C-alpha cells in the first residue's frame, strides 16, 4: 500500500516514479498502535543511517494508530529546517488526531540542540492551536535515540 499522492506533493519523483517524500508504510507497520518509544522507533528504522537530516511526521488516529508517515524535509549534514506549516499540512489532510515528529542526527549523537528544543516548542504551540497535539519528538541516530516525551519536554 502506498500513501496516495496528493496535489500538495510537489517534491518530485525518484527512479521508480514514486514521490520522494511520501513513504510506503510496510505491512507490519500499517495501523500499528504507537504507545511507546520502541513502537515509534520501529517506524523510524529506515532513517537511522541517513547521511543527511530527515525530518519525519507520523500521523495518528484517535486510537494512536499510524495513519501515514511522511518526510517533511531533507536537510543538510547537520540541519533540517521544518516549519509548522509543512509539518501539519499532511496530518490535517489525513484527519489525524495527533502527530509524532522525528528526525535523525547523522553525527551519531541524539542529544537535542537548542534549535531542536525551540522547534519542538513551536510545534507544540501550533499543534495546540490546530487541535493536533504533538505526542512526542524523537531524535534517532545509528545506535541511540532521544525522546522529548521521555525527558519531560513534551507533555501529551
Protein backbone atom coordinates (compact mmCIF):
# COMPACT_ATOMS: atom_id res chain seq x y z
CA UNK A 1 0.00 0.00 0.00
CA UNK A 2 1.38 3.38 -0.99
CA UNK A 3 0.21 6.59 0.56
CA UNK A 4 -1.81 8.35 -2.11
CA UNK A 5 -0.02 11.08 -3.99
CA UNK A 6 -1.69 14.40 -3.36
CA UNK A 7 -1.72 17.60 -5.34
CA UNK A 8 0.16 19.25 -2.47
CA UNK A 9 3.05 16.85 -3.02
CA UNK A 10 5.48 18.79 -5.21
CA UNK A 11 8.72 17.12 -4.26
CA UNK A 12 9.37 15.23 -7.47
CA UNK A 13 9.77 11.57 -8.31
CA UNK A 14 12.51 9.01 -7.81
CA UNK A 15 13.69 6.38 -10.30
CA UNK A 16 10.64 4.18 -9.55
CA UNK A 17 8.30 7.16 -10.21
CA UNK A 18 7.38 7.36 -6.51
CA UNK A 19 7.05 10.62 -4.66
CA UNK A 20 10.33 11.14 -2.80
CA UNK A 21 8.60 12.41 0.36
CA UNK A 22 5.61 10.05 0.57
CA UNK A 23 6.59 6.82 2.26
CA UNK A 24 5.34 3.32 1.73
CA UNK A 25 4.24 2.00 5.07
CA UNK A 26 5.46 -1.59 5.44
CA UNK A 27 2.69 -4.10 6.06
CA UNK A 28 3.84 -4.75 9.64
CA UNK A 29 3.53 -1.03 10.47
CA UNK A 30 0.11 -0.33 8.97
CA UNK A 31 -2.38 0.64 11.65
CA UNK A 32 0.27 -0.08 14.27
CA UNK A 33 -0.50 1.14 17.77
CA UNK A 34 2.19 3.67 18.74
CA UNK A 35 2.27 3.82 22.53
CA UNK A 36 5.95 3.56 23.46
CA UNK A 37 9.23 4.88 22.11
CA UNK A 38 10.00 1.36 20.89
CA UNK A 39 6.80 1.30 18.82
CA UNK A 40 7.73 4.65 17.29
CA UNK A 41 11.34 3.60 16.66
CA UNK A 42 10.12 0.68 14.55
CA UNK A 43 8.58 3.26 12.18
CA UNK A 44 11.84 5.22 12.01
CA UNK A 45 14.39 2.45 11.44
CA UNK A 46 14.78 3.48 7.79
CA UNK A 47 16.11 6.92 8.80
CA UNK A 48 18.76 5.95 11.37
CA UNK A 49 21.72 5.72 8.98
CA UNK A 50 20.90 8.54 6.58
CA UNK A 51 23.81 10.89 5.82
CA UNK A 52 21.54 13.96 5.81
CA UNK A 53 18.94 15.02 8.35
CA UNK A 54 15.44 13.79 7.54
CA UNK A 55 12.51 15.39 9.36
CA UNK A 56 9.58 12.95 9.53
CA UNK A 57 5.96 13.32 10.65
CA UNK A 58 3.78 10.40 11.75
CA UNK A 59 0.02 10.97 11.59
CA UNK A 60 -2.00 9.09 14.21
CA UNK A 61 -5.70 8.38 14.53
CA UNK A 62 -7.62 8.77 17.79
CA UNK A 63 -6.56 5.27 18.83
CA UNK A 64 -2.85 6.23 18.43
CA UNK A 65 -2.54 4.02 15.33
CA UNK A 66 -0.31 5.01 12.42
CA UNK A 67 -2.19 6.58 9.50
CA UNK A 68 0.74 7.95 7.48
CA UNK A 69 4.48 8.54 7.60
CA UNK A 70 5.90 11.47 5.67
CA UNK A 71 9.29 13.05 5.17
CA UNK A 72 8.64 16.75 5.75
CA UNK A 73 12.10 17.97 4.77
CA UNK A 74 15.51 16.65 3.89
CA UNK A 75 18.25 18.85 5.22
CA UNK A 76 21.99 19.08 5.18
CA UNK A 77 24.57 17.16 7.14
CA UNK A 78 23.60 18.81 10.41
CA UNK A 79 20.33 20.67 9.94
CA UNK A 80 16.82 20.17 8.59
CA UNK A 81 14.56 23.18 8.69
CA UNK A 82 10.94 22.39 9.47
CA UNK A 83 8.12 24.87 9.80
CA UNK A 84 4.79 24.02 11.48
CA UNK A 85 3.00 24.85 8.21
CA UNK A 86 4.77 21.96 6.44
CA UNK A 87 4.62 19.64 9.43
CA UNK A 88 0.86 19.88 9.90
CA UNK A 89 -0.19 20.02 6.22
CA UNK A 90 -0.27 16.23 5.80
CA UNK A 91 -1.87 15.36 9.16
CA UNK A 92 -4.65 17.89 8.51
CA UNK A 93 -5.40 16.20 5.17
CA UNK A 94 -5.29 12.80 6.92
CA UNK A 95 -7.79 14.00 9.55
CA UNK A 96 -5.25 12.87 12.13
CA UNK A 97 -5.95 13.16 15.86
CA UNK A 98 -2.31 13.70 16.85
CA UNK A 99 1.22 13.66 15.47
CA UNK A 100 4.67 12.41 16.32
CA UNK A 101 7.66 14.10 14.76
CA UNK A 102 11.15 12.74 14.40
CA UNK A 103 14.44 13.45 12.79
CA UNK A 104 17.83 11.83 12.59
CA UNK A 105 21.21 13.12 13.68
CA UNK A 106 23.82 11.82 11.23
CA UNK A 107 26.54 12.79 13.74
CA UNK A 108 25.55 9.83 15.91
CA UNK A 109 24.70 11.99 18.94
CA UNK A 110 20.93 12.07 19.51
CA UNK A 111 21.05 14.86 22.11
CA UNK A 112 18.79 17.77 21.07
CA UNK A 113 20.29 21.07 20.03
CA UNK A 114 18.91 24.42 21.13
CA UNK A 115 17.27 24.69 17.69
CA UNK A 116 15.65 21.24 18.19
CA UNK A 117 14.19 22.36 21.53
CA UNK A 118 12.97 25.69 20.13
CA UNK A 119 11.41 24.00 17.09
CA UNK A 120 9.66 21.47 19.32
CA UNK A 121 8.17 24.22 21.48
CA UNK A 122 6.93 25.99 18.35
CA UNK A 123 5.34 22.78 17.05
CA UNK A 124 3.68 22.08 20.42
CA UNK A 125 2.13 25.58 20.36
CA UNK A 126 0.97 25.23 16.74
CA UNK A 127 -0.49 21.79 17.44
CA UNK A 128 -2.48 23.17 20.37
CA UNK A 129 -3.96 25.88 18.15
CA UNK A 130 -4.87 23.33 15.47
CA UNK A 131 -6.21 20.72 17.88
CA UNK A 132 -3.48 18.30 16.74
CA UNK A 133 -1.35 17.56 19.79
CA UNK A 134 2.28 16.59 19.47
CA UNK A 135 2.67 13.20 21.20
CA UNK A 136 6.47 13.06 21.03
CA UNK A 137 9.55 14.26 19.19
CA UNK A 138 12.13 11.53 18.67
CA UNK A 139 15.71 12.09 17.56
CA UNK A 140 17.39 8.97 16.20
CA UNK A 141 20.99 8.19 15.42
CA UNK A 142 22.56 4.99 14.16
CA UNK A 143 22.52 3.33 17.59
CA UNK A 144 20.62 5.56 20.02
CA UNK A 145 17.59 7.80 20.36
CA UNK A 146 16.26 10.71 22.40
CA UNK A 147 12.58 11.10 23.29
CA UNK A 148 11.36 14.57 24.23
CA UNK A 149 8.37 12.97 25.96
CA UNK A 150 10.65 10.56 27.82
CA UNK A 151 12.65 13.52 29.12
CA UNK A 152 9.54 15.51 30.13
CA UNK A 153 9.91 18.11 27.37
CA UNK A 154 6.65 17.15 25.61
CA UNK A 155 3.53 16.52 27.66
CA UNK A 156 0.79 14.55 25.95
